[in-house]
Amino acid sequence: MHLTTVPELEVQLDICGGCKGIWFDQDELEALQKTGDRGAAKDVAEAPGLSLLTDILQILTSVL
């Protein structure tokens, strides 16, 4: 498992290298929900080299 910092979203994602599972601490999920309202999630998703993060944000956006 490794941590991936997403400064634009002010969260650190815990990502399993084997299954690609993602774990959120309670405050991280709340921060992600709040940034979605500000449009930061879209800015991060459009950054180059962040295809995994783009997929994560698309999934989270559809269920939040």
PDB file of N, CA and C in Angstrom:
ATOM      1  N   MET A   1       0.851  -1.169   0.000  1.00  0.00           N
ATOM      2  CA  MET A   1       0.000   0.000   0.000  1.00  0.00           C
ATOM      3  C   MET A   1       0.895   1.229   0.000  1.00  0.00           C
ATOM      4  N   HIS A   2       0.487   2.258  -0.731  1.00  0.00           N
ATOM      5  CA  HIS A   2       1.243   3.500  -0.744  1.00  0.00           C
ATOM      6  C   HIS A   2       0.296   4.690  -0.691  1.00  0.00           C
ATOM      7  N   LEU A   3       0.822   5.813  -0.255  1.00  0.00           N
ATOM      8  CA  LEU A   3       0.047   7.042  -0.177  1.00  0.00           C
ATOM      9  C   LEU A   3       0.301   7.883  -1.414  1.00  0.00           C
ATOM     10  N   THR A   4      -0.759   8.438  -1.957  1.00  0.00           N
ATOM     11  CA  THR A   4      -0.654   9.366  -3.068  1.00  0.00           C
ATOM     12  C   THR A   4      -1.276  10.677  -2.619  1.00  0.00           C
ATOM     13  N   THR A   5      -0.497  11.725  -2.591  1.00  0.00           N
ATOM     14  CA  THR A   5      -0.997  13.029  -2.166  1.00  0.00           C
ATOM     15  C   THR A   5      -1.608  13.760  -3.351  1.00  0.00           C
ATOM     16  N   VAL A   6      -2.790  14.314  -3.124  1.00  0.00           N
ATOM     17  CA  VAL A   6      -3.479  15.099  -4.144  1.00  0.00           C
ATOM     18  C   VAL A   6      -3.660  16.502  -3.570  1.00  0.00           C
ATOM     19  N   PRO A   7      -2.675  17.386  -3.781  1.00  0.00           N
ATOM     20  CA  PRO A   7      -2.727  18.709  -3.155  1.00  0.00           C
ATOM     21  C   PRO A   7      -3.966  19.522  -3.523  1.00  0.00           C
ATOM     22  N   GLU A   8      -4.408  19.423  -4.767  1.00  0.00           N
ATOM     23  CA  GLU A   8      -5.569  20.191  -5.205  1.00  0.00           C
ATOM     24  C   GLU A   8      -6.824  19.802  -4.435  1.00  0.00           C
ATOM     25  N   LEU A   9      -6.880  18.563  -3.986  1.00  0.00           N
ATOM     26  CA  LEU A   9      -8.037  18.081  -3.242  1.00  0.00           C
ATOM     27  C   LEU A   9      -7.782  18.030  -1.749  1.00  0.00           C
ATOM     28  N   GLU A  10      -6.555  18.319  -1.343  1.00  0.00           N
ATOM     29  CA  GLU A  10      -6.177  18.328   0.065  1.00  0.00           C
ATOM     30  C   GLU A  10      -6.430  16.982   0.737  1.00  0.00           C
ATOM     31  N   VAL A  11      -6.141  15.888   0.025  1.00  0.00           N
ATOM     32  CA  VAL A  11      -6.294  14.550   0.593  1.00  0.00           C
ATOM     33  C   VAL A  11      -5.093  13.693   0.212  1.00  0.00           C
ATOM     34  N   GLN A  12      -4.892  12.631   0.978  1.00  0.00           N
ATOM     35  CA  GLN A  12      -3.927  11.600   0.628  1.00  0.00           C
ATOM     36  C   GLN A  12      -4.720  10.325   0.407  1.00  0.00           C
ATOM     37  N   LEU A  13      -4.549   9.723  -0.753  1.00  0.00           N
ATOM     38  CA  LEU A  13      -5.234   8.476  -1.058  1.00  0.00           C
ATOM     39  C   LEU A  13      -4.337   7.314  -0.680  1.00  0.00           C
ATOM     40  N   ASP A  14      -4.879   6.342   0.034  1.00  0.00           N
ATOM     41  CA  ASP A  14      -4.173   5.103   0.335  1.00  0.00           C
ATOM     42  C   ASP A  14      -4.548   4.125  -0.770  1.00  0.00           C
ATOM     43  N   ILE A  15      -3.570   3.728  -1.587  1.00  0.00           N
ATOM     44  CA  ILE A  15      -3.848   2.878  -2.743  1.00  0.00           C
ATOM     45  C   ILE A  15      -3.078   1.574  -2.619  1.00  0.00           C
ATOM     46  N   CYS A  16      -3.773   0.451  -2.779  1.00  0.00           N
ATOM     47  CA  CYS A  16      -3.144  -0.864  -2.766  1.00  0.00           C
ATOM     48  C   CYS A  16      -2.512  -1.108  -4.132  1.00  0.00           C
ATOM     49  N   GLY A  17      -1.216  -1.428  -4.153  1.00  0.00           N
ATOM     50  CA  GLY A  17      -0.526  -1.689  -5.406  1.00  0.00           C
ATOM     51  C   GLY A  17      -0.988  -2.971  -6.081  1.00  0.00           C
ATOM     52  N   GLY A  18      -1.529  -3.917  -5.310  1.00  0.00           N
ATOM     53  CA  GLY A  18      -1.966  -5.189  -5.872  1.00  0.00           C
ATOM     54  C   GLY A  18      -3.339  -5.120  -6.512  1.00  0.00           C
ATOM     55  N   CYS A  19      -4.337  -4.741  -5.723  1.00  0.00           N
ATOM     56  CA  CYS A  19      -5.717  -4.757  -6.224  1.00  0.00           C
ATOM     57  C   CYS A  19      -6.203  -3.390  -6.678  1.00  0.00           C
ATOM     58  N   LYS A  20      -5.383  -2.349  -6.466  1.00  0.00           N
ATOM     59  CA  LYS A  20      -5.725  -0.965  -6.806  1.00  0.00           C
ATOM     60  C   LYS A  20      -6.890  -0.440  -5.979  1.00  0.00           C
ATOM     61  N   GLY A  21      -7.160  -1.078  -4.835  1.00  0.00           N
ATOM     62  CA  GLY A  21      -8.193  -0.589  -3.925  1.00  0.00           C
ATOM     63  C   GLY A  21      -7.782   0.740  -3.325  1.00  0.00           C
ATOM     64  N   ILE A  22      -8.758   1.564  -2.989  1.00  0.00           N
ATOM     65  CA  ILE A  22      -8.496   2.890  -2.444  1.00  0.00           C
ATOM     66  C   ILE A  22      -9.216   3.013  -1.110  1.00  0.00           C
ATOM     67  N   TRP A  23      -8.494   3.525  -0.117  1.00  0.00           N
ATOM     68  CA  TRP A  23      -9.053   3.725   1.210  1.00  0.00           C
ATOM     69  C   TRP A  23      -9.065   5.208   1.524  1.00  0.00           C
ATOM     70  N   PHE A  24     -10.175   5.674   2.073  1.00  0.00           N
ATOM     71  CA  PHE A  24     -10.303   7.065   2.490  1.00  0.00           C
ATOM     72  C   PHE A  24     -10.504   7.113   3.995  1.00  0.00           C
ATOM     73  N   ASP A  25      -9.791   8.014   4.660  1.00  0.00           N
ATOM     74  CA  ASP A  25     -10.115   8.327   6.039  1.00  0.00           C
ATOM     75  C   ASP A  25     -11.368   9.187   5.995  1.00  0.00           C
ATOM     76  N   GLN A  26     -12.087   9.271   7.112  1.00  0.00           N
ATOM     77  CA  GLN A  26     -13.350  10.003   7.127  1.00  0.00           C
ATOM     78  C   GLN A  26     -13.173  11.448   6.669  1.00  0.00           C
ATOM     79  N   ASP A  27     -12.174  12.124   7.175  1.00  0.00           N
ATOM     80  CA  ASP A  27     -11.991  13.526   6.800  1.00  0.00           C
ATOM     81  C   ASP A  27     -11.586  13.688   5.337  1.00  0.00           C
ATOM     82  N   GLU A  28     -10.916  12.690   4.768  1.00  0.00           N
ATOM     83  CA  GLU A  28     -10.520  12.756   3.357  1.00  0.00           C
ATOM     84  C   GLU A  28     -11.733  12.669   2.442  1.00  0.00           C
ATOM     85  N   LEU A  29     -12.656  11.795   2.753  1.00  0.00           N
ATOM     86  CA  LEU A  29     -13.858  11.672   1.930  1.00  0.00           C
ATOM     87  C   LEU A  29     -14.693  12.947   2.012  1.00  0.00           C
ATOM     88  N   GLU A  30     -14.807  13.507   3.212  1.00  0.00           N
ATOM     89  CA  GLU A  30     -15.546  14.761   3.367  1.00  0.00           C
ATOM     90  C   GLU A  30     -14.873  15.890   2.584  1.00  0.00           C
ATOM     91  N   ALA A  31     -13.540  15.948   2.614  1.00  0.00           N
ATOM     92  CA  ALA A  31     -12.806  16.974   1.864  1.00  0.00           C
ATOM     93  C   ALA A  31     -13.040  16.811   0.368  1.00  0.00           C
ATOM     94  N   LEU A  32     -13.060  15.579  -0.109  1.00  0.00           N
ATOM     95  CA  LEU A  32     -13.294  15.321  -1.528  1.00  0.00           C
ATOM     96  C   LEU A  32     -14.696  15.762  -1.932  1.00  0.00           C
ATOM     97  N   GLN A  33     -15.673  15.498  -1.077  1.00  0.00           N
ATOM     98  CA  GLN A  33     -17.038  15.923  -1.369  1.00  0.00           C
ATOM     99  C   GLN A  33     -17.128  17.446  -1.455  1.00  0.00           C
ATOM    100  N   LYS A  34     -16.453  18.139  -0.552  1.00  0.00           N
ATOM    101  CA  LYS A  34     -16.493  19.606  -0.550  1.00  0.00           C
ATOM    102  C   LYS A  34     -15.810  20.182  -1.781  1.00  0.00           C
ATOM    103  N   THR A  35     -14.681  19.615  -2.187  1.00  0.00           N
ATOM    104  CA  THR A  35     -13.971  20.150  -3.346  1.00  0.00           C
ATOM    105  C   THR A  35     -14.747  19.921  -4.631  1.00  0.00           C
ATOM    106  N   GLY A  36     -15.548  18.875  -4.669  1.00  0.00           N
ATOM    107  CA  GLY A  36     -16.383  18.647  -5.846  1.00  0.00           C
ATOM    108  C   GLY A  36     -17.323  19.816  -6.077  1.00  0.00           C
ATOM    109  N   ASP A  37     -17.786  20.413  -4.991  1.00  0.00           N
ATOM    110  CA  ASP A  37     -18.664  21.571  -5.100  1.00  0.00           C
ATOM    111  C   ASP A  37     -17.928  22.796  -5.629  1.00  0.00           C
ATOM    112  N   ARG A  38     -16.617  22.873  -5.409  1.00  0.00           N
ATOM    113  CA  ARG A  38     -15.830  24.024  -5.854  1.00  0.00           C
ATOM    114  C   ARG A  38     -15.261  23.834  -7.252  1.00  0.00           C
ATOM    115  N   GLY A  39     -15.385  22.646  -7.820  1.00  0.00           N
ATOM    116  CA  GLY A  39     -14.874  22.405  -9.160  1.00  0.00           C
ATOM    117  C   GLY A  39     -13.423  21.975  -9.208  1.00  0.00           C
ATOM    118  N   ALA A  40     -12.771  21.783  -8.064  1.00  0.00           N
ATOM    119  CA  ALA A  40     -11.358  21.384  -8.057  1.00  0.00           C
ATOM    120  C   ALA A  40     -11.181  19.987  -8.620  1.00  0.00           C
ATOM    121  N   ALA A  41     -12.147  19.127  -8.414  1.00  0.00           N
ATOM    122  CA  ALA A  41     -12.029  17.758  -8.906  1.00  0.00           C
ATOM    123  C   ALA A  41     -11.878  17.750 -10.424  1.00  0.00           C
ATOM    124  N   LYS A  42     -12.599  18.610 -11.108  1.00  0.00           N
ATOM    125  CA  LYS A  42     -12.490  18.684 -12.566  1.00  0.00           C
ATOM    126  C   LYS A  42     -11.099  19.144 -12.984  1.00  0.00           C
ATOM    127  N   ASP A  43     -10.546  20.138 -12.295  1.00  0.00           N
ATOM    128  CA  ASP A  43      -9.212  20.637 -12.620  1.00  0.00           C
ATOM    129  C   ASP A  43      -8.167  19.542 -12.475  1.00  0.00           C
ATOM    130  N   VAL A  44      -8.252  18.757 -11.421  1.00  0.00           N
ATOM    131  CA  VAL A  44      -7.285  17.689 -11.191  1.00  0.00           C
ATOM    132  C   VAL A  44      -7.457  16.595 -12.231  1.00  0.00           C
ATOM    133  N   ALA A  45      -8.696  16.255 -12.546  1.00  0.00           N
ATOM    134  CA  ALA A  45      -8.950  15.183 -13.502  1.00  0.00           C
ATOM    135  C   ALA A  45      -8.391  15.512 -14.882  1.00  0.00           C
ATOM    136  N   GLU A  46      -8.273  16.790 -15.214  1.00  0.00           N
ATOM    137  CA  GLU A  46      -7.777  17.180 -16.523  1.00  0.00           C
ATOM    138  C   GLU A  46      -6.260  17.306 -16.573  1.00  0.00           C
ATOM    139  N   ALA A  47      -5.581  17.166 -15.434  1.00  0.00           N
ATOM    140  CA  ALA A  47      -4.122  17.277 -15.406  1.00  0.00           C
ATOM    141  C   ALA A  47      -3.504  16.058 -16.086  1.00  0.00           C
ATOM    142  N   PRO A  48      -2.396  16.247 -16.821  1.00  0.00           N
ATOM    143  CA  PRO A  48      -1.769  15.118 -17.515  1.00  0.00           C
ATOM    144  C   PRO A  48      -1.177  14.102 -16.543  1.00  0.00           C
ATOM    145  N   GLY A  49      -1.232  12.826 -16.924  1.00  0.00           N
ATOM    146  CA  GLY A  49      -0.605  11.776 -16.132  1.00  0.00           C
ATOM    147  C   GLY A  49      -1.397  11.321 -14.933  1.00  0.00           C
ATOM    148  N   LEU A  50      -2.655  11.662 -14.850  1.00  0.00           N
ATOM    149  CA  LEU A  50      -3.444  11.289 -13.683  1.00  0.00           C
ATOM    150  C   LEU A  50      -4.631  10.417 -14.065  1.00  0.00           C
ATOM    151  N   SER A  51      -4.414   9.445 -14.937  1.00  0.00           N
ATOM    152  CA  SER A  51      -5.536   8.643 -15.417  1.00  0.00           C
ATOM    153  C   SER A  51      -6.201   7.855 -14.297  1.00  0.00           C
ATOM    154  N   LEU A  52      -5.435   7.309 -13.359  1.00  0.00           N
ATOM    155  CA  LEU A  52      -6.036   6.578 -12.243  1.00  0.00           C
ATOM    156  C   LEU A  52      -6.874   7.521 -11.407  1.00  0.00           C
ATOM    157  N   LEU A  53      -6.355   8.700 -11.127  1.00  0.00           N
ATOM    158  CA  LEU A  53      -7.107   9.673 -10.346  1.00  0.00           C
ATOM    159  C   LEU A  53      -8.353  10.116 -11.095  1.00  0.00           C
ATOM    160  N   THR A  54      -8.251  10.263 -12.401  1.00  0.00           N
ATOM    161  CA  THR A  54      -9.412  10.624 -13.210  1.00  0.00           C
ATOM    162  C   THR A  54     -10.502   9.575 -13.070  1.00  0.00           C
ATOM    163  N   ASP A  55     -10.130   8.313 -13.150  1.00  0.00           N
ATOM    164  CA  ASP A  55     -11.099   7.224 -12.986  1.00  0.00           C
ATOM    165  C   ASP A  55     -11.730   7.269 -11.606  1.00  0.00           C
ATOM    166  N   ILE A  56     -10.920   7.496 -10.582  1.00  0.00           N
ATOM    167  CA  ILE A  56     -11.425   7.568  -9.207  1.00  0.00           C
ATOM    168  C   ILE A  56     -12.444   8.696  -9.084  1.00  0.00           C
ATOM    169  N   LEU A  57     -12.096   9.864  -9.587  1.00  0.00           N
ATOM    170  CA  LEU A  57     -12.988  11.009  -9.476  1.00  0.00           C
ATOM    171  C   LEU A  57     -14.286  10.800 -10.238  1.00  0.00           C
ATOM    172  N   GLN A  58     -14.221  10.157 -11.394  1.00  0.00           N
ATOM    173  CA  GLN A  58     -15.438   9.881 -12.152  1.00  0.00           C
ATOM    174  C   GLN A  58     -16.352   8.942 -11.379  1.00  0.00           C
ATOM    175  N   ILE A  59     -15.779   7.923 -10.775  1.00  0.00           N
ATOM    176  CA  ILE A  59     -16.579   6.975  -9.992  1.00  0.00           C
ATOM    177  C   ILE A  59     -17.185   7.664  -8.785  1.00  0.00           C
ATOM    178  N   LEU A  60     -16.368   8.410  -8.050  1.00  0.00           N
ATOM    179  CA  LEU A  60     -16.864   9.089  -6.860  1.00  0.00           C
ATOM    180  C   LEU A  60     -17.920  10.123  -7.198  1.00  0.00           C
ATOM    181  N   THR A  61     -17.742  10.838  -8.285  1.00  0.00           N
ATOM    182  CA  THR A  61     -18.716  11.841  -8.691  1.00  0.00           C
ATOM    183  C   THR A  61     -20.058  11.194  -8.999  1.00  0.00           C
ATOM    184  N   SER A  62     -20.037  10.014  -9.572  1.00  0.00           N
ATOM    185  CA  SER A  62     -21.291   9.352  -9.929  1.00  0.00           C
ATOM    186  C   SER A  62     -22.041   8.809  -8.721  1.00  0.00           C
ATOM    187  N   VAL A  63     -21.336   8.544  -7.614  1.00  0.00           N
ATOM    188  CA  VAL A  63     -22.000   7.976  -6.443  1.00  0.00           C
ATOM    189  C   VAL A  63     -22.226   8.984  -5.329  1.00  0.00           C
ATOM    190  N   LEU A  64     -21.631  10.149  -5.405  1.00  0.00           N
ATOM    191  CA  LEU A  64     -21.791  11.147  -4.335  1.00  0.00           C
ATOM    192  C   LEU A  64     -23.004  11.997  -4.557  1.00  0.00           C
TER     193      LEU A  64
END
